[in-house]
């Protein structure tokens, strides 16, 4: 699904990623680990085109990612962030609906899919609540629904448990694993929490010294 070949990314005079080779197969449940500042988030941003590589190529479904229109990527790639990125002045449903509106989906279709997913994550009764009234775990569940609304084939999660306590973090990781199977999608989760890596069977990648190294499936 994703092929990263000889990719280098620099910020000013600092090379964060150097000649990285990385591939993600369709259906993978994978984790990307590494110390803070190792380049994990930069690699994710390259995959959803928030930033561009200085050298090398990235292909999504065999097509160079630079040739893929961004509105197509919004449908194909869902993104979950550490900071939730919910708009405080909008309800849970309104936050989720924004993802569908961005790609031109009809409101009736948005509502049907949003309610299906809210049911699945246990937030149907919070659809009219504002983010500030929710716990961290509830906010992340809402953010996951938003990321899944357009039925992406790939979900990228950047430190999705970083702002949560250990028990809630474990719950969110278990939810992601279940959704990976139920929704039949490919999933890549960035984390620096070694404990989380031992809690689910996953393909593990480590970012170190600007390189990405594959480990055995845990």
C-alpha atoms as a PDB file:
ATOM      1  CA  UNK A   1       0.000   0.000   0.000  1.00  0.00           C
ATOM      2  CA  UNK A   2       2.782   2.431   0.967  1.00  0.00           C
ATOM      3  CA  UNK A   3       6.297   2.279  -0.442  1.00  0.00           C
ATOM      4  CA  UNK A   4       8.902   4.749   0.824  1.00  0.00           C
ATOM      5  CA  UNK A   5      12.161   4.573  -1.132  1.00  0.00           C
ATOM      6  CA  UNK A   6      15.410   6.383  -0.310  1.00  0.00           C
ATOM      7  CA  UNK A   7      13.553   9.268   1.336  1.00  0.00           C
ATOM      8  CA  UNK A   8      15.463  12.086   3.007  1.00  0.00           C
ATOM      9  CA  UNK A   9      13.900  14.937   4.977  1.00  0.00           C
ATOM     10  CA  UNK A  10      15.783  17.957   6.293  1.00  0.00           C
ATOM     11  CA  UNK A  11      14.785  20.888   8.472  1.00  0.00           C
ATOM     12  CA  UNK A  12      17.277  23.650   7.828  1.00  0.00           C
ATOM     13  CA  UNK A  13      20.681  22.049   8.194  1.00  0.00           C
ATOM     14  CA  UNK A  14      19.441  19.072  10.215  1.00  0.00           C
ATOM     15  CA  UNK A  15      18.681  15.767   8.509  1.00  0.00           C
ATOM     16  CA  UNK A  16      15.804  14.060  10.330  1.00  0.00           C
ATOM     17  CA  UNK A  17      15.293  11.136   7.944  1.00  0.00           C
ATOM     18  CA  UNK A  18      18.100   9.825   5.733  1.00  0.00           C
ATOM     19  CA  UNK A  19      17.636   7.443   2.798  1.00  0.00           C
ATOM     20  CA  UNK A  20      14.657   5.790   4.480  1.00  0.00           C
ATOM     21  CA  UNK A  21      13.188   2.635   2.994  1.00  0.00           C
ATOM     22  CA  UNK A  22       9.836   1.632   4.474  1.00  0.00           C
ATOM     23  CA  UNK A  23       6.831  -0.290   3.244  1.00  0.00           C
ATOM     24  CA  UNK A  24       3.378  -0.947   4.613  1.00  0.00           C
ATOM     25  CA  UNK A  25       1.354  -3.796   3.175  1.00  0.00           C
ATOM     26  CA  UNK A  26      -2.406  -3.739   2.718  1.00  0.00           C
ATOM     27  CA  UNK A  27      -4.036  -5.045   5.894  1.00  0.00           C
ATOM     28  CA  UNK A  28      -1.047  -4.421   8.174  1.00  0.00           C
ATOM     29  CA  UNK A  29      -1.489  -3.407  11.807  1.00  0.00           C
ATOM     30  CA  UNK A  30       1.847  -1.729  12.431  1.00  0.00           C
ATOM     31  CA  UNK A  31       3.538   0.456  15.012  1.00  0.00           C
ATOM     32  CA  UNK A  32       6.316   2.985  14.539  1.00  0.00           C
ATOM     33  CA  UNK A  33       8.397   3.629  17.641  1.00  0.00           C
ATOM     34  CA  UNK A  34      11.335   5.827  18.531  1.00  0.00           C
ATOM     35  CA  UNK A  35      12.544   8.507  20.886  1.00  0.00           C
ATOM     36  CA  UNK A  36      11.090  12.010  20.831  1.00  0.00           C
ATOM     37  CA  UNK A  37      12.583  13.901  17.900  1.00  0.00           C
ATOM     38  CA  UNK A  38      13.638  10.727  16.074  1.00  0.00           C
ATOM     39  CA  UNK A  39      11.550  11.561  12.998  1.00  0.00           C
ATOM     40  CA  UNK A  40       8.465   9.395  13.599  1.00  0.00           C
ATOM     41  CA  UNK A  41       5.963  12.216  13.168  1.00  0.00           C
ATOM     42  CA  UNK A  42       7.888  13.585  10.186  1.00  0.00           C
ATOM     43  CA  UNK A  43       7.516  10.243   8.430  1.00  0.00           C
ATOM     44  CA  UNK A  44       3.771  10.276   9.084  1.00  0.00           C
ATOM     45  CA  UNK A  45       3.480  13.848   7.781  1.00  0.00           C
ATOM     46  CA  UNK A  46       5.258  12.768   4.603  1.00  0.00           C
ATOM     47  CA  UNK A  47       2.691  10.000   4.133  1.00  0.00           C
ATOM     48  CA  UNK A  48      -0.294  12.355   4.276  1.00  0.00           C
ATOM     49  CA  UNK A  49       1.502  15.173   2.432  1.00  0.00           C
ATOM     50  CA  UNK A  50       1.628  17.796   5.143  1.00  0.00           C
ATOM     51  CA  UNK A  51       5.315  18.064   4.262  1.00  0.00           C
ATOM     52  CA  UNK A  52       7.334  16.962   1.233  1.00  0.00           C
ATOM     53  CA  UNK A  53      10.480  14.872   1.034  1.00  0.00           C
ATOM     54  CA  UNK A  54      13.715  16.516  -0.029  1.00  0.00           C
ATOM     55  CA  UNK A  55      14.847  13.365  -1.788  1.00  0.00           C
ATOM     56  CA  UNK A  56      13.388   9.977  -2.669  1.00  0.00           C
ATOM     57  CA  UNK A  57       9.931   8.740  -3.604  1.00  0.00           C
ATOM     58  CA  UNK A  58       6.755   7.794  -1.746  1.00  0.00           C
ATOM     59  CA  UNK A  59       4.075   5.738  -3.466  1.00  0.00           C
ATOM     60  CA  UNK A  60       0.516   5.140  -2.321  1.00  0.00           C
ATOM     61  CA  UNK A  61      -1.154   2.256  -4.136  1.00  0.00           C
ATOM     62  CA  UNK A  62       1.729   2.292  -6.642  1.00  0.00           C
ATOM     63  CA  UNK A  63       1.161   5.970  -7.534  1.00  0.00           C
ATOM     64  CA  UNK A  64       3.701   8.657  -6.534  1.00  0.00           C
ATOM     65  CA  UNK A  65       2.072  10.487  -3.643  1.00  0.00           C
ATOM     66  CA  UNK A  66       2.881  13.871  -5.189  1.00  0.00           C
ATOM     67  CA  UNK A  67       0.622  12.953  -8.110  1.00  0.00           C
ATOM     68  CA  UNK A  68      -2.299  12.043  -5.840  1.00  0.00           C
ATOM     69  CA  UNK A  69      -4.805  14.845  -5.350  1.00  0.00           C
ATOM     70  CA  UNK A  70      -5.170  15.901  -1.734  1.00  0.00           C
ATOM     71  CA  UNK A  71      -8.958  15.419  -1.722  1.00  0.00           C
ATOM     72  CA  UNK A  72      -8.356  11.818  -2.812  1.00  0.00           C
ATOM     73  CA  UNK A  73      -5.916  11.345   0.059  1.00  0.00           C
ATOM     74  CA  UNK A  74      -8.512  12.749   2.483  1.00  0.00           C
ATOM     75  CA  UNK A  75     -10.824   9.919   1.505  1.00  0.00           C
ATOM     76  CA  UNK A  76      -8.163   7.212   1.471  1.00  0.00           C
ATOM     77  CA  UNK A  77      -6.187   8.227   4.584  1.00  0.00           C
ATOM     78  CA  UNK A  78      -7.678   8.925   8.017  1.00  0.00           C
ATOM     79  CA  UNK A  79      -5.543  10.675  10.641  1.00  0.00           C
ATOM     80  CA  UNK A  80      -5.732  10.600  14.439  1.00  0.00           C
ATOM     81  CA  UNK A  81      -3.656  13.110  16.418  1.00  0.00           C
ATOM     82  CA  UNK A  82      -2.330  13.138  19.978  1.00  0.00           C
ATOM     83  CA  UNK A  83      -4.029  16.464  20.695  1.00  0.00           C
ATOM     84  CA  UNK A  84      -7.450  15.297  19.357  1.00  0.00           C
ATOM     85  CA  UNK A  85      -7.808  18.526  17.277  1.00  0.00           C
ATOM     86  CA  UNK A  86     -11.521  18.886  17.953  1.00  0.00           C
ATOM     87  CA  UNK A  87     -13.035  22.351  17.509  1.00  0.00           C
ATOM     88  CA  UNK A  88     -14.250  23.465  20.934  1.00  0.00           C
ATOM     89  CA  UNK A  89     -17.166  25.530  19.582  1.00  0.00           C
ATOM     90  CA  UNK A  90     -18.628  22.583  17.651  1.00  0.00           C
ATOM     91  CA  UNK A  91     -20.427  19.525  18.974  1.00  0.00           C
ATOM     92  CA  UNK A  92     -19.039  16.027  18.631  1.00  0.00           C
ATOM     93  CA  UNK A  93     -21.268  15.373  15.628  1.00  0.00           C
ATOM     94  CA  UNK A  94     -20.360  18.690  13.993  1.00  0.00           C
ATOM     95  CA  UNK A  95     -16.654  17.936  14.401  1.00  0.00           C
ATOM     96  CA  UNK A  96     -17.096  14.534  12.812  1.00  0.00           C
ATOM     97  CA  UNK A  97     -19.264  15.860   9.983  1.00  0.00           C
ATOM     98  CA  UNK A  98     -16.502  18.248   8.900  1.00  0.00           C
ATOM     99  CA  UNK A  99     -14.517  15.306   7.529  1.00  0.00           C
ATOM    100  CA  UNK A 100     -17.398  14.298   5.271  1.00  0.00           C
ATOM    101  CA  UNK A 101     -18.122  17.842   4.159  1.00  0.00           C
ATOM    102  CA  UNK A 102     -14.477  18.280   3.162  1.00  0.00           C
ATOM    103  CA  UNK A 103     -14.862  15.618   0.479  1.00  0.00           C
ATOM    104  CA  UNK A 104     -18.401  16.570  -0.564  1.00  0.00           C
ATOM    105  CA  UNK A 105     -20.408  13.738   0.962  1.00  0.00           C
ATOM    106  CA  UNK A 106     -24.191  14.268   1.327  1.00  0.00           C
ATOM    107  CA  UNK A 107     -25.298  15.142   4.856  1.00  0.00           C
ATOM    108  CA  UNK A 108     -27.679  12.171   5.059  1.00  0.00           C
ATOM    109  CA  UNK A 109     -24.792   9.846   4.271  1.00  0.00           C
ATOM    110  CA  UNK A 110     -22.543  11.621   6.791  1.00  0.00           C
ATOM    111  CA  UNK A 111     -25.152  11.291   9.535  1.00  0.00           C
ATOM    112  CA  UNK A 112     -25.755   7.585   8.903  1.00  0.00           C
ATOM    113  CA  UNK A 113     -22.065   6.716   9.016  1.00  0.00           C
ATOM    114  CA  UNK A 114     -21.319   9.017  11.957  1.00  0.00           C
ATOM    115  CA  UNK A 115     -24.053   7.465  14.076  1.00  0.00           C
ATOM    116  CA  UNK A 116     -22.928   3.936  13.180  1.00  0.00           C
ATOM    117  CA  UNK A 117     -19.404   4.731  14.345  1.00  0.00           C
ATOM    118  CA  UNK A 118     -20.504   6.680  17.418  1.00  0.00           C
ATOM    119  CA  UNK A 119     -22.530   3.627  18.431  1.00  0.00           C
ATOM    120  CA  UNK A 120     -19.471   1.452  17.926  1.00  0.00           C
ATOM    121  CA  UNK A 121     -17.227   3.550  20.183  1.00  0.00           C
ATOM    122  CA  UNK A 122     -19.917   4.156  22.803  1.00  0.00           C
ATOM    123  CA  UNK A 123     -20.487   7.869  22.153  1.00  0.00           C
ATOM    124  CA  UNK A 124     -23.980   8.042  20.625  1.00  0.00           C
ATOM    125  CA  UNK A 125     -25.266   9.838  23.717  1.00  0.00           C
ATOM    126  CA  UNK A 126     -22.466  12.411  23.388  1.00  0.00           C
ATOM    127  CA  UNK A 127     -23.148  13.467  19.803  1.00  0.00           C
ATOM    128  CA  UNK A 128     -24.486  16.876  20.878  1.00  0.00           C
ATOM    129  CA  UNK A 129     -21.845  17.431  23.573  1.00  0.00           C
ATOM    130  CA  UNK A 130     -18.978  19.888  23.209  1.00  0.00           C
ATOM    131  CA  UNK A 131     -15.388  18.609  23.453  1.00  0.00           C
ATOM    132  CA  UNK A 132     -14.680  20.494  26.675  1.00  0.00           C
ATOM    133  CA  UNK A 133     -17.299  18.422  28.503  1.00  0.00           C
ATOM    134  CA  UNK A 134     -15.694  15.103  27.524  1.00  0.00           C
ATOM    135  CA  UNK A 135     -12.890  13.122  29.112  1.00  0.00           C
ATOM    136  CA  UNK A 136      -9.629  12.687  27.209  1.00  0.00           C
ATOM    137  CA  UNK A 137     -10.579   9.157  26.236  1.00  0.00           C
ATOM    138  CA  UNK A 138     -13.970  10.284  24.950  1.00  0.00           C
ATOM    139  CA  UNK A 139     -12.366  13.065  22.925  1.00  0.00           C
ATOM    140  CA  UNK A 140      -9.957  10.611  21.330  1.00  0.00           C
ATOM    141  CA  UNK A 141     -12.827   8.250  20.511  1.00  0.00           C
ATOM    142  CA  UNK A 142     -14.622  11.136  18.791  1.00  0.00           C
ATOM    143  CA  UNK A 143     -11.436  11.933  16.884  1.00  0.00           C
ATOM    144  CA  UNK A 144     -11.175   8.298  15.794  1.00  0.00           C
ATOM    145  CA  UNK A 145     -14.757   8.408  14.485  1.00  0.00           C
ATOM    146  CA  UNK A 146     -13.923  11.562  12.530  1.00  0.00           C
ATOM    147  CA  UNK A 147     -10.881   9.829  11.012  1.00  0.00           C
ATOM    148  CA  UNK A 148     -12.974   6.795  10.015  1.00  0.00           C
ATOM    149  CA  UNK A 149     -15.980   8.681   8.645  1.00  0.00           C
ATOM    150  CA  UNK A 150     -14.900   8.547   5.008  1.00  0.00           C
ATOM    151  CA  UNK A 151     -14.088   4.821   5.237  1.00  0.00           C
ATOM    152  CA  UNK A 152     -10.357   5.226   4.613  1.00  0.00           C
ATOM    153  CA  UNK A 153      -8.235   2.316   3.509  1.00  0.00           C
ATOM    154  CA  UNK A 154      -5.355   3.563   5.690  1.00  0.00           C
ATOM    155  CA  UNK A 155      -5.452   5.025   9.208  1.00  0.00           C
ATOM    156  CA  UNK A 156      -2.437   6.921  10.543  1.00  0.00           C
ATOM    157  CA  UNK A 157      -2.370   7.606  14.297  1.00  0.00           C
ATOM    158  CA  UNK A 158       0.285  10.001  15.625  1.00  0.00           C
ATOM    159  CA  UNK A 159       0.824   9.301  19.353  1.00  0.00           C
ATOM    160  CA  UNK A 160      -2.942   8.706  19.831  1.00  0.00           C
ATOM    161  CA  UNK A 161      -2.464   7.761  23.502  1.00  0.00           C
ATOM    162  CA  UNK A 162       0.106  10.426  24.384  1.00  0.00           C
ATOM    163  CA  UNK A 163      -2.339  12.618  26.343  1.00  0.00           C
ATOM    164  CA  UNK A 164      -4.075   9.751  28.135  1.00  0.00           C
ATOM    165  CA  UNK A 165      -3.494   7.854  31.369  1.00  0.00           C
ATOM    166  CA  UNK A 166      -2.223   4.281  31.068  1.00  0.00           C
ATOM    167  CA  UNK A 167      -5.594   2.579  31.511  1.00  0.00           C
ATOM    168  CA  UNK A 168      -7.342   4.826  28.972  1.00  0.00           C
ATOM    169  CA  UNK A 169      -4.375   4.485  26.605  1.00  0.00           C
ATOM    170  CA  UNK A 170      -4.699   0.706  26.714  1.00  0.00           C
ATOM    171  CA  UNK A 171      -8.442   0.987  25.995  1.00  0.00           C
ATOM    172  CA  UNK A 172      -7.845   3.245  22.984  1.00  0.00           C
ATOM    173  CA  UNK A 173      -5.161   0.943  21.590  1.00  0.00           C
ATOM    174  CA  UNK A 174      -7.491  -2.051  21.977  1.00  0.00           C
ATOM    175  CA  UNK A 175     -10.244  -0.109  20.207  1.00  0.00           C
ATOM    176  CA  UNK A 176      -7.913   0.706  17.311  1.00  0.00           C
ATOM    177  CA  UNK A 177      -6.933  -2.949  17.007  1.00  0.00           C
ATOM    178  CA  UNK A 178     -10.590  -4.018  16.931  1.00  0.00           C
ATOM    179  CA  UNK A 179     -11.474  -1.352  14.360  1.00  0.00           C
ATOM    180  CA  UNK A 180      -8.532  -2.434  12.206  1.00  0.00           C
ATOM    181  CA  UNK A 181     -10.144  -5.847  11.960  1.00  0.00           C
ATOM    182  CA  UNK A 182     -13.797  -4.783  11.795  1.00  0.00           C
ATOM    183  CA  UNK A 183     -13.341  -2.029   9.217  1.00  0.00           C
ATOM    184  CA  UNK A 184     -10.759  -4.042   7.237  1.00  0.00           C
ATOM    185  CA  UNK A 185      -8.227  -1.258   6.993  1.00  0.00           C
ATOM    186  CA  UNK A 186      -4.482  -0.838   7.159  1.00  0.00           C
ATOM    187  CA  UNK A 187      -3.262   0.950  10.282  1.00  0.00           C
ATOM    188  CA  UNK A 188       0.018   2.588  11.330  1.00  0.00           C
ATOM    189  CA  UNK A 189       0.347   3.861  14.907  1.00  0.00           C
ATOM    190  CA  UNK A 190       3.221   6.075  16.069  1.00  0.00           C
ATOM    191  CA  UNK A 191       4.165   5.694  19.727  1.00  0.00           C
ATOM    192  CA  UNK A 192       7.075   6.201  22.106  1.00  0.00           C
ATOM    193  CA  UNK A 193       5.426   4.056  24.801  1.00  0.00           C
ATOM    194  CA  UNK A 194       7.247   0.709  24.916  1.00  0.00           C
ATOM    195  CA  UNK A 195       4.511  -0.772  27.123  1.00  0.00           C
ATOM    196  CA  UNK A 196       1.917  -0.339  24.384  1.00  0.00           C
ATOM    197  CA  UNK A 197       4.099  -2.293  21.981  1.00  0.00           C
ATOM    198  CA  UNK A 198       3.748  -5.415  24.112  1.00  0.00           C
ATOM    199  CA  UNK A 199      -0.036  -5.266  24.395  1.00  0.00           C
ATOM    200  CA  UNK A 200      -1.063  -6.039  20.811  1.00  0.00           C
ATOM    201  CA  UNK A 201       0.275  -8.252  18.061  1.00  0.00           C
ATOM    202  CA  UNK A 202       1.693  -5.858  15.496  1.00  0.00           C
ATOM    203  CA  UNK A 203       4.433  -5.305  12.978  1.00  0.00           C
ATOM    204  CA  UNK A 204       6.984  -3.052  14.713  1.00  0.00           C
ATOM    205  CA  UNK A 205       9.204  -0.441  13.069  1.00  0.00           C
ATOM    206  CA  UNK A 206      11.816   1.617  14.918  1.00  0.00           C
ATOM    207  CA  UNK A 207      13.092   5.052  13.872  1.00  0.00           C
ATOM    208  CA  UNK A 208      16.675   5.612  14.990  1.00  0.00           C
ATOM    209  CA  UNK A 209      19.494   7.805  13.673  1.00  0.00           C
ATOM    210  CA  UNK A 210      17.365   8.891  10.733  1.00  0.00           C
ATOM    211  CA  UNK A 211      16.664   5.322   9.599  1.00  0.00           C
ATOM    212  CA  UNK A 212      13.656   3.009   9.900  1.00  0.00           C
ATOM    213  CA  UNK A 213      14.320  -0.568  11.019  1.00  0.00           C
ATOM    214  CA  UNK A 214      11.804  -3.421  10.945  1.00  0.00           C
ATOM    215  CA  UNK A 215      11.488  -5.698  13.957  1.00  0.00           C
ATOM    216  CA  UNK A 216       9.804  -9.057  14.352  1.00  0.00           C
ATOM    217  CA  UNK A 217       6.038  -9.099  14.860  1.00  0.00           C
ATOM    218  CA  UNK A 218       5.360  -9.125  18.597  1.00  0.00           C
END
